[in-house]
Amino acid sequence: MNKAAADEDETTKRLQDFVKAKLLPYKYPREIRFVGELPKTGSGKIDRQAFMRM
């Protein structure tokens, strides 16, 4: 595992732990993906349909 993947795993774990502390423990996100840029529509808004397919 390279350093970037290890850093991403650590960040994911920290985000999950933070959400567990703020919300009910069963509501934490099981999957977190890091992307360079969110998909946008022609008008510059976040394309939620494309985002959910990522």
PDB file of N, CA and C in Angstrom:
ATOM      1  N   MET A   1       0.860  -1.185   0.000  1.00  0.00           N
ATOM      2  CA  MET A   1       0.000   0.000   0.000  1.00  0.00           C
ATOM      3  C   MET A   1       0.897   1.235   0.000  1.00  0.00           C
ATOM      4  N   ASN A   2       0.635   2.152  -0.919  1.00  0.00           N
ATOM      5  CA  ASN A   2       1.472   3.344  -0.982  1.00  0.00           C
ATOM      6  C   ASN A   2       1.005   4.388   0.026  1.00  0.00           C
ATOM      7  N   LYS A   3       1.759   5.444   0.171  1.00  0.00           N
ATOM      8  CA  LYS A   3       1.469   6.467   1.169  1.00  0.00           C
ATOM      9  C   LYS A   3       0.135   7.165   0.915  1.00  0.00           C
ATOM     10  N   ALA A   4      -0.184   7.446  -0.343  1.00  0.00           N
ATOM     11  CA  ALA A   4      -1.451   8.117  -0.657  1.00  0.00           C
ATOM     12  C   ALA A   4      -2.641   7.257  -0.253  1.00  0.00           C
ATOM     13  N   ALA A   5      -2.560   5.961  -0.509  1.00  0.00           N
ATOM     14  CA  ALA A   5      -3.654   5.058  -0.136  1.00  0.00           C
ATOM     15  C   ALA A   5      -3.765   4.956   1.382  1.00  0.00           C
ATOM     16  N   ALA A   6      -2.626   4.931   2.067  1.00  0.00           N
ATOM     17  CA  ALA A   6      -2.644   4.873   3.534  1.00  0.00           C
ATOM     18  C   ALA A   6      -3.246   6.153   4.113  1.00  0.00           C
ATOM     19  N   ASP A   7      -2.894   7.307   3.540  1.00  0.00           N
ATOM     20  CA  ASP A   7      -3.460   8.581   4.004  1.00  0.00           C
ATOM     21  C   ASP A   7      -4.969   8.620   3.764  1.00  0.00           C
ATOM     22  N   GLU A   8      -5.397   8.100   2.616  1.00  0.00           N
ATOM     23  CA  GLU A   8      -6.822   8.079   2.294  1.00  0.00           C
ATOM     24  C   GLU A   8      -7.577   7.167   3.265  1.00  0.00           C
ATOM     25  N   ASP A   9      -6.999   6.027   3.591  1.00  0.00           N
ATOM     26  CA  ASP A   9      -7.624   5.115   4.553  1.00  0.00           C
ATOM     27  C   ASP A   9      -7.735   5.761   5.925  1.00  0.00           C
ATOM     28  N   GLU A  10      -6.709   6.462   6.342  1.00  0.00           N
ATOM     29  CA  GLU A  10      -6.715   7.138   7.642  1.00  0.00           C
ATOM     30  C   GLU A  10      -7.765   8.249   7.660  1.00  0.00           C
ATOM     31  N   THR A  11      -7.852   9.015   6.590  1.00  0.00           N
ATOM     32  CA  THR A  11      -8.842  10.087   6.503  1.00  0.00           C
ATOM     33  C   THR A  11     -10.259   9.512   6.525  1.00  0.00           C
ATOM     34  N   THR A  12     -10.467   8.416   5.809  1.00  0.00           N
ATOM     35  CA  THR A  12     -11.771   7.761   5.807  1.00  0.00           C
ATOM     36  C   THR A  12     -12.155   7.324   7.211  1.00  0.00           C
ATOM     37  N   LYS A  13     -11.236   6.705   7.914  1.00  0.00           N
ATOM     38  CA  LYS A  13     -11.497   6.237   9.284  1.00  0.00           C
ATOM     39  C   LYS A  13     -11.817   7.417  10.197  1.00  0.00           C
ATOM     40  N   ARG A  14     -11.077   8.512  10.061  1.00  0.00           N
ATOM     41  CA  ARG A  14     -11.326   9.686  10.906  1.00  0.00           C
ATOM     42  C   ARG A  14     -12.690  10.303  10.619  1.00  0.00           C
ATOM     43  N   LEU A  15     -13.076  10.368   9.330  1.00  0.00           N
ATOM     44  CA  LEU A  15     -14.393  10.894   8.976  1.00  0.00           C
ATOM     45  C   LEU A  15     -15.508  10.008   9.542  1.00  0.00           C
ATOM     46  N   GLN A  16     -15.354   8.703   9.423  1.00  0.00           N
ATOM     47  CA  GLN A  16     -16.354   7.788   9.956  1.00  0.00           C
ATOM     48  C   GLN A  16     -16.476   7.922  11.474  1.00  0.00           C
ATOM     49  N   ASP A  17     -15.357   8.008  12.167  1.00  0.00           N
ATOM     50  CA  ASP A  17     -15.382   8.163  13.622  1.00  0.00           C
ATOM     51  C   ASP A  17     -16.035   9.480  14.033  1.00  0.00           C
ATOM     52  N   PHE A  18     -15.768  10.548  13.280  1.00  0.00           N
ATOM     53  CA  PHE A  18     -16.367  11.851  13.571  1.00  0.00           C
ATOM     54  C   PHE A  18     -17.883  11.788  13.441  1.00  0.00           C
ATOM     55  N   VAL A  19     -18.362  11.172  12.351  1.00  0.00           N
ATOM     56  CA  VAL A  19     -19.809  11.078  12.136  1.00  0.00           C
ATOM     57  C   VAL A  19     -20.449  10.199  13.202  1.00  0.00           C
ATOM     58  N   LYS A  20     -19.799   9.119  13.584  1.00  0.00           N
ATOM     59  CA  LYS A  20     -20.330   8.248  14.635  1.00  0.00           C
ATOM     60  C   LYS A  20     -20.493   9.007  15.947  1.00  0.00           C
ATOM     61  N   ALA A  21     -19.577   9.934  16.228  1.00  0.00           N
ATOM     62  CA  ALA A  21     -19.640  10.703  17.468  1.00  0.00           C
ATOM     63  C   ALA A  21     -20.749  11.757  17.426  1.00  0.00           C
ATOM     64  N   LYS A  22     -21.050  12.275  16.235  1.00  0.00           N
ATOM     65  CA  LYS A  22     -22.046  13.336  16.101  1.00  0.00           C
ATOM     66  C   LYS A  22     -23.461  12.801  15.885  1.00  0.00           C
ATOM     67  N   LEU A  23     -23.594  11.673  15.200  1.00  0.00           N
ATOM     68  CA  LEU A  23     -24.893  11.078  14.897  1.00  0.00           C
ATOM     69  C   LEU A  23     -25.010   9.739  15.619  1.00  0.00           C
ATOM     70  N   LEU A  24     -26.107   9.077  15.413  1.00  0.00           N
ATOM     71  CA  LEU A  24     -26.244   7.723  15.940  1.00  0.00           C
ATOM     72  C   LEU A  24     -25.237   6.825  15.225  1.00  0.00           C
ATOM     73  N   PRO A  25     -24.616   5.907  15.953  1.00  0.00           N
ATOM     74  CA  PRO A  25     -23.535   5.095  15.358  1.00  0.00           C
ATOM     75  C   PRO A  25     -23.906   4.337  14.087  1.00  0.00           C
ATOM     76  N   TYR A  26     -25.167   3.935  13.944  1.00  0.00           N
ATOM     77  CA  TYR A  26     -25.531   3.166  12.750  1.00  0.00           C
ATOM     78  C   TYR A  26     -25.713   4.048  11.514  1.00  0.00           C
ATOM     79  N   LYS A  27     -25.665   5.356  11.667  1.00  0.00           N
ATOM     80  CA  LYS A  27     -25.872   6.268  10.538  1.00  0.00           C
ATOM     81  C   LYS A  27     -24.577   6.688   9.844  1.00  0.00           C
ATOM     82  N   TYR A  28     -23.450   6.169  10.270  1.00  0.00           N
ATOM     83  CA  TYR A  28     -22.194   6.608   9.668  1.00  0.00           C
ATOM     84  C   TYR A  28     -22.065   6.084   8.239  1.00  0.00           C
ATOM     85  N   PRO A  29     -21.341   6.805   7.370  1.00  0.00           N
ATOM     86  CA  PRO A  29     -21.181   6.366   5.981  1.00  0.00           C
ATOM     87  C   PRO A  29     -20.254   5.159   5.890  1.00  0.00           C
ATOM     88  N   ARG A  30     -20.737   4.092   5.276  1.00  0.00           N
ATOM     89  CA  ARG A  30     -19.932   2.870   5.145  1.00  0.00           C
ATOM     90  C   ARG A  30     -18.891   3.014   4.039  1.00  0.00           C
ATOM     91  N   GLU A  31     -19.224   3.814   3.050  1.00  0.00           N
ATOM     92  CA  GLU A  31     -18.319   3.975   1.910  1.00  0.00           C
ATOM     93  C   GLU A  31     -18.054   5.451   1.683  1.00  0.00           C
ATOM     94  N   ILE A  32     -16.783   5.800   1.596  1.00  0.00           N
ATOM     95  CA  ILE A  32     -16.377   7.175   1.306  1.00  0.00           C
ATOM     96  C   ILE A  32     -15.416   7.108   0.136  1.00  0.00           C
ATOM     97  N   ARG A  33     -15.716   7.875  -0.898  1.00  0.00           N
ATOM     98  CA  ARG A  33     -14.839   7.931  -2.070  1.00  0.00           C
ATOM     99  C   ARG A  33     -14.343   9.353  -2.248  1.00  0.00           C
ATOM    100  N   PHE A  34     -13.078   9.487  -2.530  1.00  0.00           N
ATOM    101  CA  PHE A  34     -12.480  10.791  -2.771  1.00  0.00           C
ATOM    102  C   PHE A  34     -12.351  10.984  -4.273  1.00  0.00           C
ATOM    103  N   VAL A  35     -12.850  12.106  -4.761  1.00  0.00           N
ATOM    104  CA  VAL A  35     -12.790  12.410  -6.189  1.00  0.00           C
ATOM    105  C   VAL A  35     -12.129  13.773  -6.368  1.00  0.00           C
ATOM    106  N   GLY A  36     -11.534  13.957  -7.511  1.00  0.00           N
ATOM    107  CA  GLY A  36     -10.856  15.210  -7.797  1.00  0.00           C
ATOM    108  C   GLY A  36     -11.811  16.366  -8.031  1.00  0.00           C
ATOM    109  N   GLU A  37     -12.950  16.065  -8.646  1.00  0.00           N
ATOM    110  CA  GLU A  37     -13.910  17.108  -8.986  1.00  0.00           C
ATOM    111  C   GLU A  37     -15.296  16.497  -9.078  1.00  0.00           C
ATOM    112  N   LEU A  38     -16.298  17.225  -8.616  1.00  0.00           N
ATOM    113  CA  LEU A  38     -17.672  16.759  -8.703  1.00  0.00           C
ATOM    114  C   LEU A  38     -18.219  17.031 -10.103  1.00  0.00           C
ATOM    115  N   PRO A  39     -19.070  16.138 -10.619  1.00  0.00           N
ATOM    116  CA  PRO A  39     -19.656  16.375 -11.937  1.00  0.00           C
ATOM    117  C   PRO A  39     -20.611  17.572 -11.886  1.00  0.00           C
ATOM    118  N   LYS A  40     -20.568  18.396 -12.917  1.00  0.00           N
ATOM    119  CA  LYS A  40     -21.395  19.606 -12.947  1.00  0.00           C
ATOM    120  C   LYS A  40     -22.276  19.605 -14.183  1.00  0.00           C
ATOM    121  N   THR A  41     -23.394  20.301 -14.059  1.00  0.00           N
ATOM    122  CA  THR A  41     -24.294  20.487 -15.194  1.00  0.00           C
ATOM    123  C   THR A  41     -23.753  21.628 -16.055  1.00  0.00           C
ATOM    124  N   GLY A  42     -24.432  21.915 -17.139  1.00  0.00           N
ATOM    125  CA  GLY A  42     -24.019  23.005 -18.021  1.00  0.00           C
ATOM    126  C   GLY A  42     -24.068  24.360 -17.343  1.00  0.00           C
ATOM    127  N   SER A  43     -24.938  24.500 -16.334  1.00  0.00           N
ATOM    128  CA  SER A  43     -25.043  25.784 -15.641  1.00  0.00           C
ATOM    129  C   SER A  43     -24.103  25.879 -14.435  1.00  0.00           C
ATOM    130  N   GLY A  44     -23.287  24.841 -14.212  1.00  0.00           N
ATOM    131  CA  GLY A  44     -22.293  24.898 -13.147  1.00  0.00           C
ATOM    132  C   GLY A  44     -22.743  24.325 -11.812  1.00  0.00           C
ATOM    133  N   LYS A  45     -23.957  23.799 -11.751  1.00  0.00           N
ATOM    134  CA  LYS A  45     -24.436  23.187 -10.510  1.00  0.00           C
ATOM    135  C   LYS A  45     -23.963  21.740 -10.447  1.00  0.00           C
ATOM    136  N   ILE A  46     -23.945  21.171  -9.244  1.00  0.00           N
ATOM    137  CA  ILE A  46     -23.554  19.770  -9.095  1.00  0.00           C
ATOM    138  C   ILE A  46     -24.610  18.886  -9.743  1.00  0.00           C
ATOM    139  N   ASP A  47     -24.167  17.998 -10.606  1.00  0.00           N
ATOM    140  CA  ASP A  47     -25.059  17.055 -11.284  1.00  0.00           C
ATOM    141  C   ASP A  47     -25.273  15.864 -10.353  1.00  0.00           C
ATOM    142  N   ARG A  48     -26.355  15.883  -9.603  1.00  0.00           N
ATOM    143  CA  ARG A  48     -26.608  14.865  -8.586  1.00  0.00           C
ATOM    144  C   ARG A  48     -26.825  13.491  -9.180  1.00  0.00           C
ATOM    145  N   GLN A  49     -27.451  13.409 -10.332  1.00  0.00           N
ATOM    146  CA  GLN A  49     -27.667  12.098 -10.967  1.00  0.00           C
ATOM    147  C   GLN A  49     -26.342  11.481 -11.370  1.00  0.00           C
ATOM    148  N   ALA A  50     -25.466  12.260 -11.963  1.00  0.00           N
ATOM    149  CA  ALA A  50     -24.150  11.758 -12.347  1.00  0.00           C
ATOM    150  C   ALA A  50     -23.321  11.435 -11.110  1.00  0.00           C
ATOM    151  N   PHE A  51     -23.496  12.216 -10.063  1.00  0.00           N
ATOM    152  CA  PHE A  51     -22.760  12.002  -8.815  1.00  0.00           C
ATOM    153  C   PHE A  51     -23.132  10.651  -8.205  1.00  0.00           C
ATOM    154  N   MET A  52     -24.406  10.311  -8.233  1.00  0.00           N
ATOM    155  CA  MET A  52     -24.853   9.057  -7.640  1.00  0.00           C
ATOM    156  C   MET A  52     -24.380   7.848  -8.445  1.00  0.00           C
ATOM    157  N   ARG A  53     -24.087   8.036  -9.724  1.00  0.00           N
ATOM    158  CA  ARG A  53     -23.583   6.944 -10.571  1.00  0.00           C
ATOM    159  C   ARG A  53     -22.088   6.752 -10.431  1.00  0.00           C
ATOM    160  N   MET A  54     -21.398   7.667  -9.795  1.00  0.00           N
ATOM    161  CA  MET A  54     -19.938   7.580  -9.674  1.00  0.00           C
ATOM    162  C   MET A  54     -19.524   6.388  -8.855  1.00  0.00           C
TER     163      MET A  54
END
